[in-house]
Protein backbone atom coordinates (compact mmCIF):
# COMPACT_ATOMS: atom_id res chain seq x y z
CA UNK A 1 -1.17 -20.59 0.00
CA UNK A 2 -0.52 -16.95 -0.79
CA UNK A 3 3.11 -15.77 -0.99
CA UNK A 4 4.73 -12.36 -0.48
CA UNK A 5 6.52 -11.52 -3.82
CA UNK A 6 9.05 -9.41 -2.18
CA UNK A 7 10.27 -11.81 0.53
CA UNK A 8 9.59 -15.25 -0.82
CA UNK A 9 8.07 -16.21 2.44
CA UNK A 10 4.53 -17.36 2.82
CA UNK A 11 2.22 -15.21 5.10
CA UNK A 12 1.25 -18.31 7.09
CA UNK A 13 5.05 -18.91 8.04
CA UNK A 14 5.80 -21.66 5.57
CA UNK A 15 8.91 -20.87 3.71
CA UNK A 16 8.29 -20.69 0.01
CA UNK A 17 10.54 -20.75 -3.03
CA UNK A 18 11.70 -17.20 -4.21
CA UNK A 19 9.74 -16.47 -7.32
CA UNK A 20 11.24 -14.38 -10.18
CA UNK A 21 10.35 -10.63 -10.18
CA UNK A 22 9.51 -9.27 -13.63
CA UNK A 23 8.77 -5.87 -15.07
CA UNK A 24 7.24 -4.71 -18.19
CA UNK A 25 10.70 -4.08 -19.73
CA UNK A 26 11.92 -7.48 -18.86
CA UNK A 27 8.69 -9.29 -20.00
CA UNK A 28 9.03 -7.81 -23.58
CA UNK A 29 12.44 -9.17 -24.27
CA UNK A 30 14.35 -8.92 -27.64
CA UNK A 31 14.87 -11.25 -30.44
CA UNK A 32 18.44 -12.76 -30.52
CA UNK A 33 20.44 -11.66 -33.45
CA UNK A 34 21.33 -14.24 -36.09
CA UNK A 35 25.09 -14.28 -35.07
CA UNK A 36 24.41 -15.12 -31.46
CA UNK A 37 23.70 -18.66 -30.28
CA UNK A 38 21.48 -19.48 -27.24
CA UNK A 39 23.73 -22.14 -25.94
CA UNK A 40 26.81 -19.96 -26.03
CA UNK A 41 27.50 -18.38 -22.47
CA UNK A 42 30.31 -15.67 -22.23
CA UNK A 43 31.75 -14.96 -18.76
CA UNK A 44 33.24 -11.48 -18.50
CA UNK A 45 36.26 -11.51 -16.06
CA UNK A 46 37.93 -8.57 -14.51
CA UNK A 47 41.06 -8.28 -12.51
CA UNK A 48 40.69 -8.04 -8.79
CA UNK A 49 37.43 -9.95 -8.64
CA UNK A 50 36.86 -12.74 -6.10
CA UNK A 51 37.57 -16.33 -7.18
CA UNK A 52 34.31 -17.89 -5.92
CA UNK A 53 31.80 -15.67 -7.87
CA UNK A 54 34.18 -16.04 -11.01
CA UNK A 55 34.03 -19.85 -10.65
CA UNK A 56 30.28 -20.23 -10.28
CA UNK A 57 29.30 -19.81 -14.13
CA UNK A 58 32.46 -21.80 -15.03
CA UNK A 59 31.16 -24.69 -12.84
CA UNK A 60 27.49 -24.50 -13.86
CA UNK A 61 27.91 -23.67 -17.68
CA UNK A 62 31.38 -24.83 -18.45
CA UNK A 63 31.57 -28.48 -17.46
CA UNK A 64 30.24 -31.29 -19.62
CA UNK A 65 27.68 -33.26 -17.70
CA UNK A 66 25.77 -34.74 -20.60
CA UNK A 67 26.09 -38.17 -18.92
CA UNK A 68 23.77 -36.89 -16.31
CA UNK A 69 21.35 -35.77 -18.81
CA UNK A 70 22.44 -32.06 -18.65
CA UNK A 71 22.59 -30.46 -22.22
CA UNK A 72 25.94 -28.89 -22.80
CA UNK A 73 26.46 -25.01 -22.95
CA UNK A 74 29.43 -23.63 -24.97
CA UNK A 75 31.42 -21.38 -22.56
CA UNK A 76 33.56 -18.50 -23.51
CA UNK A 77 35.75 -16.93 -20.86
CA UNK A 78 36.41 -13.36 -21.93
CA UNK A 79 38.69 -10.73 -20.41
CA UNK A 80 36.73 -7.56 -19.68
CA UNK A 81 39.95 -5.46 -19.79
CA UNK A 82 43.51 -5.55 -20.97
CA UNK A 83 46.21 -7.00 -18.72
CA UNK A 84 46.56 -9.95 -16.36
CA UNK A 85 43.55 -11.04 -14.53
CA UNK A 86 44.43 -11.47 -10.77
CA UNK A 87 41.84 -12.62 -8.30
CA UNK A 88 41.53 -11.37 -4.71
CA UNK A 89 43.18 -14.57 -3.59
CA UNK A 90 46.25 -13.91 -5.54
CA UNK A 91 45.68 -16.47 -8.48
CA UNK A 92 46.40 -15.11 -11.96
CA UNK A 93 43.94 -16.27 -14.72
CA UNK A 94 44.21 -16.33 -18.37
CA UNK A 95 41.05 -15.70 -20.42
CA UNK A 96 41.31 -17.22 -23.80
CA UNK A 97 38.94 -14.60 -25.51
CA UNK A 98 38.55 -10.95 -25.47
CA UNK A 99 35.43 -8.75 -25.61
CA UNK A 100 34.99 -9.42 -29.31
CA UNK A 101 33.91 -12.99 -28.58
CA UNK A 102 30.84 -11.71 -26.51
CA UNK A 103 29.31 -11.06 -29.96
CA UNK A 104 28.51 -14.78 -30.40
CA UNK A 105 26.98 -15.28 -26.87
CA UNK A 106 23.32 -15.69 -26.10
CA UNK A 107 23.99 -15.14 -22.41
CA UNK A 108 26.57 -12.90 -20.91
CA UNK A 109 27.53 -13.35 -17.12
CA UNK A 110 29.29 -10.73 -15.03
CA UNK A 111 30.62 -12.03 -11.81
CA UNK A 112 31.37 -9.81 -8.74
CA UNK A 113 32.93 -6.41 -9.65
CA UNK A 114 36.24 -5.79 -7.92
CA UNK A 115 35.25 -2.51 -6.22
CA UNK A 116 31.81 -0.66 -6.04
CA UNK A 117 33.89 2.57 -5.78
CA UNK A 118 35.45 2.12 -9.22
CA UNK A 119 33.84 2.64 -12.54
CA UNK A 120 33.87 -0.35 -14.87
CA UNK A 121 35.89 -0.11 -18.13
CA UNK A 122 34.00 1.74 -20.86
CA UNK A 123 34.79 -0.93 -23.52
CA UNK A 124 33.12 -3.55 -21.23
CA UNK A 125 30.05 -1.46 -20.78
CA UNK A 126 29.67 -0.99 -24.56
CA UNK A 127 29.98 -4.64 -25.20
CA UNK A 128 27.23 -5.33 -22.59
CA UNK A 129 25.03 -2.70 -24.26
CA UNK A 130 25.53 -4.10 -27.52
CA UNK A 131 24.95 -7.59 -26.45
CA UNK A 132 21.63 -6.55 -24.69
CA UNK A 133 20.54 -4.73 -27.91
CA UNK A 134 21.22 -7.78 -29.91
CA UNK A 135 18.85 -9.86 -27.74
CA UNK A 136 21.39 -11.51 -25.39
CA UNK A 137 20.50 -12.35 -21.83
CA UNK A 138 22.55 -10.38 -19.29
CA UNK A 139 23.31 -11.80 -15.79
CA UNK A 140 25.05 -9.96 -12.90
CA UNK A 141 26.16 -11.99 -9.87
CA UNK A 142 26.64 -10.23 -6.54
CA UNK A 143 28.28 -6.77 -7.15
CA UNK A 144 28.19 -7.55 -10.94
CA UNK A 145 24.94 -5.67 -10.58
CA UNK A 146 27.00 -2.52 -10.36
CA UNK A 147 28.49 -3.15 -13.80
CA UNK A 148 25.05 -3.72 -15.27
CA UNK A 149 23.78 -0.60 -13.52
CA UNK A 150 26.69 1.50 -14.84
CA UNK A 151 25.83 0.25 -18.44
CA UNK A 152 22.28 1.49 -17.90
CA UNK A 153 20.88 -2.03 -18.18
CA UNK A 154 19.01 -1.82 -14.83
CA UNK A 155 17.33 1.50 -15.38
CA UNK A 156 13.66 1.17 -14.34
CA UNK A 157 14.16 -2.48 -13.52
CA UNK A 158 14.06 -4.53 -10.33
CA UNK A 159 17.37 -5.92 -9.28
CA UNK A 160 19.22 -7.15 -6.23
CA UNK A 161 22.86 -7.43 -5.06
CA UNK A 162 24.70 -8.36 -1.83
CA UNK A 163 22.63 -6.93 1.03
CA UNK A 164 25.64 -5.13 2.43
CA UNK A 165 25.92 -2.99 -0.83
CA UNK A 166 22.18 -2.65 -1.66
CA UNK A 167 21.91 0.85 -0.01
CA UNK A 168 24.94 2.02 -2.25
CA UNK A 169 23.39 0.66 -5.35
CA UNK A 170 20.04 2.27 -4.63
CA UNK A 171 21.62 5.52 -3.84
CA UNK A 172 24.06 5.79 -6.78
CA UNK A 173 21.33 4.54 -9.34
CA UNK A 174 17.89 5.80 -8.04
CA UNK A 175 16.06 4.66 -11.12
CA UNK A 176 16.96 1.01 -10.22
CA UNK A 177 14.29 -0.78 -7.95
CA UNK A 178 16.76 -2.44 -5.56
CA UNK A 179 15.35 -5.19 -3.36
CA UNK A 180 18.03 -6.46 -0.97
CA UNK A 181 15.90 -9.35 0.33
CA UNK A 182 15.64 -11.34 -2.85
CA UNK A 183 18.23 -14.17 -3.48
CA UNK A 184 17.89 -13.31 -7.26
CA UNK A 185 15.66 -11.29 -9.50
CA UNK A 186 14.85 -12.45 -12.96
CA UNK A 187 13.53 -9.64 -15.14
CA UNK A 188 13.40 -11.50 -18.29
CA UNK A 189 16.48 -10.54 -20.42
CA UNK A 190 18.35 -9.14 -17.33
CA UNK A 191 19.04 -10.96 -14.17
CA UNK A 192 20.76 -10.37 -10.91
CA UNK A 193 21.71 -12.23 -7.79
CA UNK A 194 22.39 -11.53 -4.25
CA UNK A 195 25.79 -12.00 -2.57
CA UNK A 196 28.24 -14.90 -3.01
CA UNK A 197 26.54 -18.34 -2.98
CA UNK A 198 23.11 -16.86 -4.25
CA UNK A 199 25.00 -16.84 -7.77
CA UNK A 200 24.65 -20.56 -7.68
CA UNK A 201 20.82 -20.23 -7.08
CA UNK A 202 20.60 -17.74 -10.05
CA UNK A 203 22.61 -19.86 -12.53
CA UNK A 204 20.54 -22.94 -11.58
CA UNK A 205 17.39 -20.99 -12.25
CA UNK A 206 18.82 -20.11 -15.72
CA UNK A 207 19.29 -23.85 -16.46
CA UNK A 208 15.78 -24.55 -15.14
CA UNK A 209 14.49 -21.94 -17.52
CA UNK A 210 16.42 -23.27 -20.55
CA UNK A 211 16.00 -27.01 -19.95
CA UNK A 212 13.44 -27.59 -17.19
CA UNK A 213 13.37 -28.72 -13.50
CA UNK A 214 14.57 -32.18 -13.91
CA UNK A 215 17.75 -31.02 -15.73
CA UNK A 216 18.40 -28.44 -13.07
CA UNK A 217 17.82 -30.97 -10.34
CA UNK A 218 20.25 -33.30 -11.92
CA UNK A 219 22.92 -30.65 -12.20
CA UNK A 220 22.29 -29.62 -8.51
CA UNK A 221 23.00 -33.09 -7.44
CA UNK A 222 26.22 -33.03 -9.30
CA UNK A 223 27.14 -29.68 -7.57
CA UNK A 224 25.80 -31.14 -4.26
CA UNK A 225 23.64 -28.05 -3.70
CA UNK A 226 19.86 -27.83 -3.16
CA UNK A 227 18.09 -27.27 -6.53
CA UNK A 228 15.76 -24.54 -5.08
CA UNK A 229 17.02 -22.77 -1.85
CA UNK A 230 14.02 -21.49 0.15
CA UNK A 231 13.71 -18.14 1.73
CA UNK A 232 15.48 -14.83 1.08
CA UNK A 233 18.58 -13.07 1.99
CA UNK A 234 16.87 -10.93 4.67
CA UNK A 235 17.99 -13.62 7.25
CA UNK A 236 21.58 -12.49 6.68
CA UNK A 237 20.77 -8.89 7.60
CA UNK A 238 22.54 -7.37 10.36
CA UNK A 239 22.40 -4.20 12.40
CA UNK A 240 25.61 -2.63 11.57
CA UNK A 241 25.80 0.99 10.53
CA UNK A 242 25.81 1.96 6.96
CA UNK A 243 29.52 2.45 5.70
CA UNK A 244 28.70 6.00 4.65
CA UNK A 245 27.56 7.14 8.00
CA UNK A 246 30.57 5.98 9.95
CA UNK A 247 32.62 9.14 10.18
CA UNK A 248 29.61 11.58 10.33
CA UNK A 249 28.39 13.33 13.46
CA UNK A 250 25.02 11.66 12.91
CA UNK A 251 26.75 8.32 13.65
CA UNK A 252 26.49 9.19 17.43
CA UNK A 253 22.72 9.47 17.25
CA UNK A 254 22.43 6.21 15.25
CA UNK A 255 24.47 4.41 17.71
CA UNK A 256 22.39 5.72 20.57
CA UNK A 257 19.28 4.55 18.68
CA UNK A 258 20.64 1.11 18.37
CA UNK A 259 21.67 0.80 22.03
CA UNK A 260 18.19 2.01 23.23
CA UNK A 261 16.14 0.16 20.69
CA UNK A 262 14.07 -1.42 23.46
CA UNK A 263 12.82 2.00 24.45
CA UNK A 264 9.94 3.88 22.85
CA UNK A 265 11.23 6.90 20.98
CA UNK A 266 10.55 8.47 17.47
CA UNK A 267 12.32 10.34 14.83
CA UNK A 268 11.64 13.62 16.56
CA UNK A 269 13.74 12.22 19.55
CA UNK A 270 16.57 11.45 17.16
CA UNK A 271 16.36 14.93 15.53
CA UNK A 272 16.54 16.62 18.86
CA UNK A 273 19.59 14.66 19.90
CA UNK A 274 21.27 15.61 16.68
CA UNK A 275 20.26 19.30 17.33
CA UNK A 276 18.45 19.42 13.89
CA UNK A 277 14.85 20.07 12.88
CA UNK A 278 12.85 17.04 11.80
CA UNK A 279 13.10 18.15 8.15
CA UNK A 280 16.89 18.81 8.25
CA UNK A 281 17.40 15.55 10.05
CA UNK A 282 15.30 13.61 7.50
CA UNK A 283 17.27 15.17 4.53
CA UNK A 284 20.75 14.63 6.06
CA UNK A 285 19.73 10.96 7.08
CA UNK A 286 18.55 10.07 3.56
CA UNK A 287 21.68 11.73 1.93
CA UNK A 288 23.97 9.60 4.20
CA UNK A 289 22.23 6.21 4.18
CA UNK A 290 19.72 6.27 1.20
CA UNK A 291 16.96 5.44 3.61
CA UNK A 292 14.29 7.40 5.43
CA UNK A 293 14.95 7.62 9.10
CA UNK A 294 11.50 6.32 10.16
CA UNK A 295 11.86 3.34 7.90
CA UNK A 296 15.38 2.74 9.09
CA UNK A 297 14.16 2.83 12.78
CA UNK A 298 11.16 0.44 12.17
CA UNK A 299 13.64 -1.99 10.33
CA UNK A 300 16.05 -2.02 13.28
CA UNK A 301 13.12 -2.79 15.73
CA UNK A 302 11.94 -5.61 13.43
CA UNK A 303 15.52 -7.05 13.22
CA UNK A 304 15.64 -7.05 17.04
CA UNK A 305 12.38 -8.69 17.18
CA UNK A 306 13.53 -11.28 14.72
CA UNK A 307 16.66 -11.98 16.95
CA UNK A 308 14.58 -12.37 20.13
CA UNK A 309 12.07 -14.65 18.36
CA UNK A 310 14.86 -16.91 17.29
CA UNK A 311 16.93 -16.87 20.68
CA UNK A 312 14.26 -16.52 23.46
CA UNK A 313 11.05 -17.83 24.75
CA UNK A 314 9.47 -14.39 25.23
CA UNK A 315 5.84 -14.11 24.21
CA UNK A 316 5.09 -11.86 21.24
CA UNK A 317 3.79 -9.26 23.62
CA UNK A 318 7.07 -9.34 25.59
CA UNK A 319 9.04 -9.06 22.27
CA UNK A 320 7.17 -6.07 21.24
CA UNK A 321 7.88 -4.37 24.47
CA UNK A 322 11.54 -5.28 24.34
CA UNK A 323 11.72 -3.88 20.88
CA UNK A 324 10.24 -0.56 21.50
CA UNK A 325 6.96 -1.09 19.60
CA UNK A 326 3.94 0.63 21.23
CA UNK A 327 1.76 -2.55 20.90
CA UNK A 328 1.93 -6.22 19.84
CA UNK A 329 -0.31 -5.06 17.01
CA UNK A 330 2.35 -2.73 15.66
CA UNK A 331 5.01 -5.44 15.82
CA UNK A 332 2.80 -7.97 14.03
CA UNK A 333 2.04 -5.29 11.30
CA UNK A 334 5.56 -4.19 10.64
CA UNK A 335 6.97 -7.78 10.99
CA UNK A 336 4.57 -9.19 8.53
CA UNK A 337 5.28 -6.27 5.96
CA UNK A 338 8.99 -6.81 6.19
CA UNK A 339 9.43 -10.55 6.56
CA UNK A 340 6.06 -11.84 5.14
CA UNK A 341 5.05 -13.87 8.15
CA UNK A 342 3.63 -13.22 11.58
CA UNK A 343 6.04 -13.30 14.58
CA UNK A 344 4.54 -16.56 15.88
CA UNK A 345 4.66 -18.31 12.47
CA UNK A 346 8.30 -17.05 11.95
CA UNK A 347 9.38 -18.50 15.27
CA UNK A 348 7.84 -21.84 14.43
CA UNK A 349 9.23 -22.14 10.97
CA UNK A 350 12.70 -20.89 12.34
CA UNK A 351 12.67 -23.62 15.10
CA UNK A 352 11.56 -26.22 12.68
CA UNK A 353 14.53 -25.28 10.26
CA UNK A 354 16.99 -25.23 13.18
CA UNK A 355 15.86 -28.64 14.31
CA UNK A 356 16.40 -30.08 10.81
CA UNK A 357 19.87 -28.45 10.74
CA UNK A 358 20.76 -29.80 14.23
CA UNK A 359 19.53 -33.32 13.09
CA UNK A 360 21.84 -33.14 10.16
CA UNK A 361 24.79 -31.93 12.23
CA UNK A 362 24.20 -34.69 14.79
CA UNK A 363 23.97 -37.49 12.09
CA UNK A 364 27.31 -36.10 10.77
CA UNK A 365 29.11 -36.35 14.06
CA UNK A 366 31.24 -39.60 14.53
CA UNK A 367 29.47 -42.08 16.89
CA UNK A 368 31.54 -43.10 20.08
CA UNK A 369 32.97 -46.69 19.94
CA UNK A 370 30.67 -49.36 21.43
CA UNK A 371 31.74 -51.59 24.14
CA UNK A 372 32.16 -55.38 23.49
CA UNK A 373 28.78 -56.12 25.05
CA UNK A 374 26.43 -53.30 23.77
CA UNK A 375 27.32 -54.16 20.15
CA UNK A 376 26.06 -57.68 20.61
CA UNK A 377 22.46 -58.86 19.73
CA UNK A 378 20.10 -59.62 22.56
CA UNK A 379 20.49 -63.34 22.08
CA UNK A 380 24.16 -62.98 22.58
CA UNK A 381 23.53 -60.93 25.80
CA UNK A 382 21.40 -63.74 27.08
CA UNK A 383 23.98 -66.29 26.33
CA UNK A 384 26.73 -64.27 28.02
CA UNK A 385 24.42 -63.96 31.15
CA UNK A 386 23.88 -67.66 31.23
CA UNK A 387 27.62 -68.13 31.11
CA UNK A 388 27.97 -66.17 34.24
CA UNK A 389 29.45 -62.80 33.07
CA UNK A 390 30.01 -60.78 36.23
CA UNK A 391 27.24 -58.28 37.09
CA UNK A 392 25.76 -58.94 33.60
CA UNK A 393 22.20 -58.96 34.74
CA UNK A 394 22.69 -55.93 37.06
CA UNK A 395 24.59 -54.08 34.32
CA UNK A 396 21.76 -54.62 31.90
CA UNK A 397 19.30 -53.14 34.41
CA UNK A 398 21.48 -50.03 34.83
CA UNK A 399 21.78 -49.49 31.16
CA UNK A 400 17.96 -49.81 30.67
CA UNK A 401 17.44 -47.23 33.56
CA UNK A 402 19.86 -44.91 31.76
CA UNK A 403 18.19 -45.24 28.31
CA UNK A 404 14.69 -44.75 29.49
CA UNK A 405 12.94 -41.63 28.27
CA UNK A 406 11.38 -39.06 30.88
CA UNK A 407 8.02 -40.42 30.13
CA UNK A 408 9.06 -44.07 30.72
CA UNK A 409 10.82 -43.12 33.90
CA UNK A 410 7.84 -41.50 35.36
CA UNK A 411 5.71 -44.61 34.39
CA UNK A 412 8.26 -46.85 36.20
CA UNK A 413 8.12 -44.80 39.34
CA UNK A 414 4.35 -44.50 39.42
CA UNK A 415 4.26 -40.75 38.80
CA UNK A 416 1.81 -39.37 36.27
CA UNK A 417 3.06 -39.13 32.73
CA UNK A 418 2.42 -36.53 30.00
CA UNK A 419 3.40 -35.84 26.36
CA UNK A 420 6.89 -34.83 25.31
CA UNK A 421 8.04 -31.25 26.04
CA UNK A 422 7.93 -29.12 23.01
CA UNK A 423 10.12 -26.00 22.23
CA UNK A 424 9.27 -23.13 24.59
CA UNK A 425 7.41 -25.44 27.10
CA UNK A 426 8.98 -25.52 30.56
CA UNK A 427 9.07 -28.78 32.47
CA UNK A 428 7.20 -27.79 35.56
CA UNK A 429 4.61 -29.35 37.88
CA UNK A 430 0.90 -29.04 36.76
CA UNK A 431 -1.93 -28.21 39.26
């Protein structure tokens, strides 16, 4: 089964595991210096960071789980700057080590950075560069990728971050090959993850790389998370306007495009509405969003098609029409290029996944209490009937009728039967 390396989704619609993306830079790697130890993991914390992302490497690398067969890492919690370390939730943390302790680490993890509009401390960036030069593996979780990029460690490399901030990362650091659809990117000695919970996926991937799949699976069981999460973060994309465009006059044109996404129009139409030439509109749009207007428009149409495939029974032809594509062929081509699957196979895999989720939710719901008779065994029912329980026999018939499936009900009434109704199939008379 082939797989799209950009999305982690197989073309035939089966969801596949995201595979690491590597470049020539990352494949080469560097020899670890003598003073560093591979089992030592340093976590660089900053004030103002979210507590969840900060806790991920502490939970994965900092807890002794040797009883579960997980080799122990040595964790060093290091302050990336002077002063108190306060999280976004108001907690105040104390880091037992400073930046000098990073010199002993074979792996350095940078959890989410506090603000993508702020430059990281110069001392922290120098420590990261030095660690990388000495062969340490550098990991950025969520917006921690901005810290790695500021240190120059992502130049010419593939990387990812939270999908909401990916356009900003690509615009600010144009030499970084940002892919907002990956849950994580492994480029050998530099690794980055998507937003929030994707940090768990990346840290488990690191354990799998170091100690094998069995150890990573044992650790995942302890954390009560899947050892490998299928798919990519493209399922979390939305149609919100980029932050940079909100206060610009171009925002009205973009808002109009989203409201009329079901209509057929092109970039020339948008340029005319903005009273600009096509060339000026392209340049202005790229400056504001970091994306070409044509690619942005195609992406919005694909996202609308994705939503309709998930929430409606429209045929692929109808979906294409309602998303402004000129033909179903155009929809299929763009949909496969962006999501790695055909519209039909995407709908099938989505419904299968939703069916599994609903089954889990249903199993978790508390069951209603059973009455004193329905909890008895058939032999007990028979004994109760023989003792003359009022309306026992008739009540049994009523319950039997209620519990019959539609197919059994048709058979009981003498009407023709047919197979079960599948998703998207309407229950209507045939012939």
